[in-house]
Amino acid sequence: MNRTMIQIRHERLADIDAREALLDQAFGDTRLRKSSERLREDRLPAEGLSFIASEGKRVIGTARLWNVSCGNGPSALLLGPVAVAEDCRSRGLGGAMVRRAIQTARKLGYSAIVLVGDPEYYNRFGFSGEKTGALWMPGPFERHRLLGRELKVGALDGARGMIGAAGRPVPLPDLAVLVAQDRRTTRASRSKAA
């Protein structure tokens, strides 16, 4: 079987629909009810930290990082969701995406990453619950799954309190632009009908 080469790259605007479909397939309709989603709602991912794995033109993986505050501790990043297409799992792709995310975050100068995930999976990337015991999420979560990884030694020392959204808000559309677009669409529809 001739497989196209897999590429991990920065997400593009054209990837959004495929990414959302992949996340729906991987996590189902419950994904938008998770506590981590409260930290991503109406926010843009951290600049330069949205990754897509593609095989040819097909999106087969996604990993994104989000700006958060760790209670009284440092600003940090929230990793997730990380997802790989069902037929592409067990090829090491999820791990490769997590390593790429960590490496890029470190290069960009971030000090820590937190996530809610399976300790058995994320421990191998240096995540643990050692310094997240005094942090909590905005909503229900399983304490043993709240993990952190310092990118700078001591970054999570003494972190205590609620993890909060700190990223750039999704820009609201300009009402004047929307009205102008609606007028053009209405005129075009009338011209076709005439």
C-alpha atoms as a PDB file:
ATOM      1  CA  MET A   1       0.000   0.000   0.000  1.00  0.00           C
ATOM      2  CA  ASN A   2       1.383   3.400  -0.997  1.00  0.00           C
ATOM      3  CA  ARG A   3       0.783   5.940   1.799  1.00  0.00           C
ATOM      4  CA  THR A   4       1.248   9.638   1.321  1.00  0.00           C
ATOM      5  CA  MET A   5       3.777  11.201   3.682  1.00  0.00           C
ATOM      6  CA  ILE A   6       2.375  12.567   6.935  1.00  0.00           C
ATOM      7  CA  GLN A   7       3.178  16.188   7.686  1.00  0.00           C
ATOM      8  CA  ILE A   8       2.723  18.046  10.986  1.00  0.00           C
ATOM      9  CA  ARG A   9       2.293  21.730  10.238  1.00  0.00           C
ATOM     10  CA  HIS A  10       0.651  24.879  11.518  1.00  0.00           C
ATOM     11  CA  GLU A  11      -3.103  24.934  11.117  1.00  0.00           C
ATOM     12  CA  ARG A  12      -4.525  26.934   8.217  1.00  0.00           C
ATOM     13  CA  LEU A  13      -7.915  28.583   7.829  1.00  0.00           C
ATOM     14  CA  ALA A  14      -8.839  25.947   5.226  1.00  0.00           C
ATOM     15  CA  ASP A  15      -8.347  23.199   7.883  1.00  0.00           C
ATOM     16  CA  ILE A  16     -11.096  24.367  10.245  1.00  0.00           C
ATOM     17  CA  ASP A  17     -14.014  22.296   8.923  1.00  0.00           C
ATOM     18  CA  ALA A  18     -11.909  19.127   8.711  1.00  0.00           C
ATOM     19  CA  ARG A  19     -10.501  19.732  12.199  1.00  0.00           C
ATOM     20  CA  GLU A  20     -13.971  20.165  13.676  1.00  0.00           C
ATOM     21  CA  ALA A  21     -15.210  17.002  11.943  1.00  0.00           C
ATOM     22  CA  LEU A  22     -12.199  15.092  13.314  1.00  0.00           C
ATOM     23  CA  LEU A  23     -12.885  16.354  16.854  1.00  0.00           C
ATOM     24  CA  ASP A  24     -16.565  15.395  16.553  1.00  0.00           C
ATOM     25  CA  GLN A  25     -15.555  11.898  15.426  1.00  0.00           C
ATOM     26  CA  ALA A  26     -12.963  11.513  18.192  1.00  0.00           C
ATOM     27  CA  PHE A  27     -14.922  12.947  21.136  1.00  0.00           C
ATOM     28  CA  GLY A  28     -18.565  13.043  20.095  1.00  0.00           C
ATOM     29  CA  ASP A  29     -21.056  15.649  21.197  1.00  0.00           C
ATOM     30  CA  THR A  30     -19.794  15.644  24.804  1.00  0.00           C
ATOM     31  CA  ARG A  31     -16.588  17.471  23.853  1.00  0.00           C
ATOM     32  CA  LEU A  32     -18.245  20.885  24.096  1.00  0.00           C
ATOM     33  CA  ARG A  33     -19.452  20.174  27.651  1.00  0.00           C
ATOM     34  CA  LYS A  34     -16.023  19.552  29.152  1.00  0.00           C
ATOM     35  CA  SER A  35     -14.474  21.953  31.670  1.00  0.00           C
ATOM     36  CA  SER A  36     -11.516  22.505  29.346  1.00  0.00           C
ATOM     37  CA  GLU A  37     -13.936  23.881  26.760  1.00  0.00           C
ATOM     38  CA  ARG A  38     -14.861  26.694  29.179  1.00  0.00           C
ATOM     39  CA  LEU A  39     -11.240  27.868  28.853  1.00  0.00           C
ATOM     40  CA  ARG A  40     -11.370  27.747  25.039  1.00  0.00           C
ATOM     41  CA  GLU A  41     -14.812  29.280  24.502  1.00  0.00           C
ATOM     42  CA  ASP A  42     -14.764  32.469  22.451  1.00  0.00           C
ATOM     43  CA  ARG A  43     -10.946  32.469  22.497  1.00  0.00           C
ATOM     44  CA  LEU A  44      -8.312  32.054  19.826  1.00  0.00           C
ATOM     45  CA  PRO A  45      -5.586  29.456  20.347  1.00  0.00           C
ATOM     46  CA  ALA A  46      -2.167  30.723  21.433  1.00  0.00           C
ATOM     47  CA  GLU A  47      -0.343  32.365  18.536  1.00  0.00           C
ATOM     48  CA  GLY A  48       1.666  29.840  16.513  1.00  0.00           C
ATOM     49  CA  LEU A  49       0.494  26.861  18.580  1.00  0.00           C
ATOM     50  CA  SER A  50      -2.233  25.209  16.484  1.00  0.00           C
ATOM     51  CA  PHE A  51      -1.047  22.100  14.686  1.00  0.00           C
ATOM     52  CA  ILE A  52      -2.549  19.824  12.060  1.00  0.00           C
ATOM     53  CA  ALA A  53      -1.308  16.449  10.917  1.00  0.00           C
ATOM     54  CA  SER A  54      -2.129  15.834   7.282  1.00  0.00           C
ATOM     55  CA  GLU A  55      -1.715  12.924   4.939  1.00  0.00           C
ATOM     56  CA  GLY A  56      -1.902  14.382   1.490  1.00  0.00           C
ATOM     57  CA  LYS A  57      -4.833  16.811   1.645  1.00  0.00           C
ATOM     58  CA  ARG A  58      -6.594  14.916   4.438  1.00  0.00           C
ATOM     59  CA  VAL A  59      -6.502  16.257   8.014  1.00  0.00           C
ATOM     60  CA  ILE A  60      -5.754  13.269  10.262  1.00  0.00           C
ATOM     61  CA  GLY A  61      -4.694  14.937  13.515  1.00  0.00           C
ATOM     62  CA  THR A  62      -4.979  18.103  15.556  1.00  0.00           C
ATOM     63  CA  ALA A  63      -3.330  19.570  18.645  1.00  0.00           C
ATOM     64  CA  ARG A  64      -3.766  23.113  19.921  1.00  0.00           C
ATOM     65  CA  LEU A  65      -2.541  25.129  22.878  1.00  0.00           C
ATOM     66  CA  TRP A  66      -4.453  27.936  24.607  1.00  0.00           C
ATOM     67  CA  ASN A  67      -3.335  30.776  26.884  1.00  0.00           C
ATOM     68  CA  VAL A  68      -4.486  30.328  30.490  1.00  0.00           C
ATOM     69  CA  SER A  69      -3.673  31.628  33.943  1.00  0.00           C
ATOM     70  CA  CYS A  70      -2.968  29.128  36.713  1.00  0.00           C
ATOM     71  CA  GLY A  71      -4.702  30.768  39.662  1.00  0.00           C
ATOM     72  CA  ASN A  72      -2.116  32.845  41.508  1.00  0.00           C
ATOM     73  CA  GLY A  73       0.637  31.148  39.493  1.00  0.00           C
ATOM     74  CA  PRO A  74       2.092  31.899  36.106  1.00  0.00           C
ATOM     75  CA  SER A  75       0.453  32.332  32.792  1.00  0.00           C
ATOM     76  CA  ALA A  76       0.639  28.987  31.036  1.00  0.00           C
ATOM     77  CA  LEU A  77      -0.784  27.021  28.152  1.00  0.00           C
ATOM     78  CA  LEU A  78      -3.631  24.514  28.078  1.00  0.00           C
ATOM     79  CA  LEU A  79      -3.000  21.580  25.720  1.00  0.00           C
ATOM     80  CA  GLY A  80      -5.982  20.108  23.969  1.00  0.00           C
ATOM     81  CA  PRO A  81      -7.843  18.689  22.466  1.00  0.00           C
ATOM     82  CA  VAL A  82      -5.404  16.299  20.815  1.00  0.00           C
ATOM     83  CA  ALA A  83      -7.077  13.947  18.345  1.00  0.00           C
ATOM     84  CA  VAL A  84      -6.067  11.517  15.600  1.00  0.00           C
ATOM     85  CA  ALA A  85      -8.358  10.002  12.971  1.00  0.00           C
ATOM     86  CA  GLU A  86      -9.508   6.531  14.004  1.00  0.00           C
ATOM     87  CA  ASP A  87      -7.869   4.761  11.058  1.00  0.00           C
ATOM     88  CA  CYS A  88      -4.525   6.497  11.758  1.00  0.00           C
ATOM     89  CA  ARG A  89      -4.133   5.672  15.444  1.00  0.00           C
ATOM     90  CA  SER A  90      -1.300   3.469  16.740  1.00  0.00           C
ATOM     91  CA  ARG A  91       1.131   5.084  14.305  1.00  0.00           C
ATOM     92  CA  GLY A  92       2.711   7.414  16.897  1.00  0.00           C
ATOM     93  CA  LEU A  93       1.043  10.479  15.447  1.00  0.00           C
ATOM     94  CA  GLY A  94      -0.561  11.723  18.677  1.00  0.00           C
ATOM     95  CA  GLY A  95       2.788  11.505  20.454  1.00  0.00           C
ATOM     96  CA  ALA A  96       4.554  13.301  17.617  1.00  0.00           C
ATOM     97  CA  MET A  97       2.007  16.123  17.787  1.00  0.00           C
ATOM     98  CA  VAL A  98       2.341  16.473  21.576  1.00  0.00           C
ATOM     99  CA  ARG A  99       6.154  16.577  21.294  1.00  0.00           C
ATOM    100  CA  ARG A 100       5.912  19.223  18.543  1.00  0.00           C
ATOM    101  CA  ALA A 101       3.534  21.313  20.678  1.00  0.00           C
ATOM    102  CA  ILE A 102       5.865  21.135  23.711  1.00  0.00           C
ATOM    103  CA  GLN A 103       8.950  21.919  21.644  1.00  0.00           C
ATOM    104  CA  THR A 104       7.337  24.927  19.951  1.00  0.00           C
ATOM    105  CA  ALA A 105       5.913  26.275  23.237  1.00  0.00           C
ATOM    106  CA  ARG A 106       9.374  26.078  24.789  1.00  0.00           C
ATOM    107  CA  LYS A 107      10.926  27.902  21.802  1.00  0.00           C
ATOM    108  CA  LEU A 108       8.297  30.641  22.135  1.00  0.00           C
ATOM    109  CA  GLY A 109       9.267  31.181  25.773  1.00  0.00           C
ATOM    110  CA  TYR A 110       6.276  29.726  27.631  1.00  0.00           C
ATOM    111  CA  SER A 111       6.938  28.431  31.134  1.00  0.00           C
ATOM    112  CA  ALA A 112       4.325  25.684  31.671  1.00  0.00           C
ATOM    113  CA  ILE A 113       1.605  23.590  30.073  1.00  0.00           C
ATOM    114  CA  VAL A 114      -1.447  22.117  31.821  1.00  0.00           C
ATOM    115  CA  LEU A 115      -4.038  19.669  30.526  1.00  0.00           C
ATOM    116  CA  VAL A 116      -6.816  17.334  31.543  1.00  0.00           C
ATOM    117  CA  GLY A 117      -6.000  13.872  30.237  1.00  0.00           C
ATOM    118  CA  ASP A 118      -4.972  10.309  30.902  1.00  0.00           C
ATOM    119  CA  PRO A 119      -1.889  10.214  33.147  1.00  0.00           C
ATOM    120  CA  GLU A 120      -0.863   6.872  31.613  1.00  0.00           C
ATOM    121  CA  TYR A 121      -0.562   8.562  28.224  1.00  0.00           C
ATOM    122  CA  TYR A 122       0.808  11.998  29.163  1.00  0.00           C
ATOM    123  CA  ASN A 123       3.371  10.936  31.827  1.00  0.00           C
ATOM    124  CA  ARG A 124       5.813   9.937  29.061  1.00  0.00           C
ATOM    125  CA  PHE A 125       5.871  13.578  27.887  1.00  0.00           C
ATOM    126  CA  GLY A 126       6.756  14.863  31.362  1.00  0.00           C
ATOM    127  CA  PHE A 127       3.225  15.686  32.566  1.00  0.00           C
ATOM    128  CA  SER A 128       2.239  14.848  36.126  1.00  0.00           C
ATOM    129  CA  GLY A 129      -0.130  15.896  38.888  1.00  0.00           C
ATOM    130  CA  GLU A 130       2.787  16.773  41.179  1.00  0.00           C
ATOM    131  CA  LYS A 131       2.222  20.560  41.016  1.00  0.00           C
ATOM    132  CA  THR A 132      -1.453  20.784  40.011  1.00  0.00           C
ATOM    133  CA  GLY A 133      -3.003  19.630  43.308  1.00  0.00           C
ATOM    134  CA  ALA A 134      -3.947  23.174  44.364  1.00  0.00           C
ATOM    135  CA  LEU A 135      -5.353  24.122  40.933  1.00  0.00           C
ATOM    136  CA  TRP A 136      -8.891  23.504  39.745  1.00  0.00           C
ATOM    137  CA  MET A 137     -10.907  23.769  36.575  1.00  0.00           C
ATOM    138  CA  PRO A 138     -14.022  25.918  35.908  1.00  0.00           C
ATOM    139  CA  GLY A 139     -16.451  23.024  36.217  1.00  0.00           C
ATOM    140  CA  PRO A 140     -16.381  19.325  37.003  1.00  0.00           C
ATOM    141  CA  PHE A 141     -13.131  17.450  36.342  1.00  0.00           C
ATOM    142  CA  GLU A 142     -11.334  14.383  37.613  1.00  0.00           C
ATOM    143  CA  ARG A 143      -8.543  15.583  39.934  1.00  0.00           C
ATOM    144  CA  HIS A 144      -6.083  12.824  38.932  1.00  0.00           C
ATOM    145  CA  ARG A 145      -6.378  13.878  35.278  1.00  0.00           C
ATOM    146  CA  LEU A 146      -5.304  17.525  35.845  1.00  0.00           C
ATOM    147  CA  LEU A 147      -1.652  17.425  34.837  1.00  0.00           C
ATOM    148  CA  GLY A 148       1.118  19.947  34.367  1.00  0.00           C
ATOM    149  CA  ARG A 149       4.533  20.149  32.757  1.00  0.00           C
ATOM    150  CA  GLU A 150       7.047  22.857  33.492  1.00  0.00           C
ATOM    151  CA  LEU A 151       9.024  24.189  30.546  1.00  0.00           C
ATOM    152  CA  LYS A 152      11.030  26.378  32.946  1.00  0.00           C
ATOM    153  CA  VAL A 153      12.102  24.888  36.282  1.00  0.00           C
ATOM    154  CA  GLY A 154       9.834  25.986  39.134  1.00  0.00           C
ATOM    155  CA  ALA A 155       7.217  27.586  36.890  1.00  0.00           C
ATOM    156  CA  LEU A 156       4.315  25.881  38.688  1.00  0.00           C
ATOM    157  CA  ASP A 157       5.764  26.158  42.216  1.00  0.00           C
ATOM    158  CA  GLY A 158       3.025  27.435  44.522  1.00  0.00           C
ATOM    159  CA  ALA A 159       0.367  27.654  41.776  1.00  0.00           C
ATOM    160  CA  ARG A 160      -3.001  27.728  43.506  1.00  0.00           C
ATOM    161  CA  GLY A 161      -6.545  28.602  42.435  1.00  0.00           C
ATOM    162  CA  MET A 162      -8.786  28.475  39.409  1.00  0.00           C
ATOM    163  CA  ILE A 163      -7.325  27.977  35.951  1.00  0.00           C
ATOM    164  CA  GLY A 164      -8.750  30.775  33.828  1.00  0.00           C
ATOM    165  CA  ALA A 165      -8.915  31.740  30.168  1.00  0.00           C
ATOM    166  CA  ALA A 166      -6.294  34.314  29.251  1.00  0.00           C
ATOM    167  CA  GLY A 167      -6.130  34.145  25.480  1.00  0.00           C
ATOM    168  CA  ARG A 168      -7.133  36.548  22.773  1.00  0.00           C
ATOM    169  CA  PRO A 169     -10.920  36.774  22.336  1.00  0.00           C
ATOM    170  CA  VAL A 170     -12.410  35.711  19.026  1.00  0.00           C
ATOM    171  CA  PRO A 171     -12.988  38.989  17.171  1.00  0.00           C
ATOM    172  CA  LEU A 172     -16.614  39.952  16.769  1.00  0.00           C
ATOM    173  CA  PRO A 173     -17.741  40.632  13.210  1.00  0.00           C
ATOM    174  CA  ASP A 174     -18.101  44.257  12.155  1.00  0.00           C
ATOM    175  CA  LEU A 175     -21.846  44.965  11.965  1.00  0.00           C
ATOM    176  CA  ALA A 176     -21.408  47.474   9.109  1.00  0.00           C
ATOM    177  CA  VAL A 177     -19.558  44.849   7.029  1.00  0.00           C
ATOM    178  CA  LEU A 178     -22.275  42.243   7.695  1.00  0.00           C
ATOM    179  CA  VAL A 179     -25.032  44.685   6.677  1.00  0.00           C
ATOM    180  CA  ALA A 180     -23.145  45.599   3.472  1.00  0.00           C
ATOM    181  CA  GLN A 181     -22.663  41.907   2.623  1.00  0.00           C
ATOM    182  CA  ASP A 182     -26.344  41.231   3.243  1.00  0.00           C
ATOM    183  CA  ARG A 183     -27.325  44.112   0.939  1.00  0.00           C
ATOM    184  CA  ARG A 184     -25.055  42.800  -1.847  1.00  0.00           C
ATOM    185  CA  THR A 185     -26.513  39.294  -1.465  1.00  0.00           C
ATOM    186  CA  THR A 186     -30.068  40.651  -1.532  1.00  0.00           C
ATOM    187  CA  ARG A 187     -29.365  42.727  -4.676  1.00  0.00           C
ATOM    188  CA  ALA A 188     -27.719  39.759  -6.401  1.00  0.00           C
ATOM    189  CA  SER A 189     -30.728  37.557  -5.581  1.00  0.00           C
ATOM    190  CA  ARG A 190     -33.141  40.150  -6.965  1.00  0.00           C
ATOM    191  CA  SER A 191     -31.070  40.510 -10.163  1.00  0.00           C
ATOM    192  CA  LYS A 192     -31.161  36.734 -10.764  1.00  0.00           C
ATOM    193  CA  ALA A 193     -34.902  36.607 -10.133  1.00  0.00           C
ATOM    194  CA  ALA A 194     -35.601  39.432 -12.597  1.00  0.00           C
END
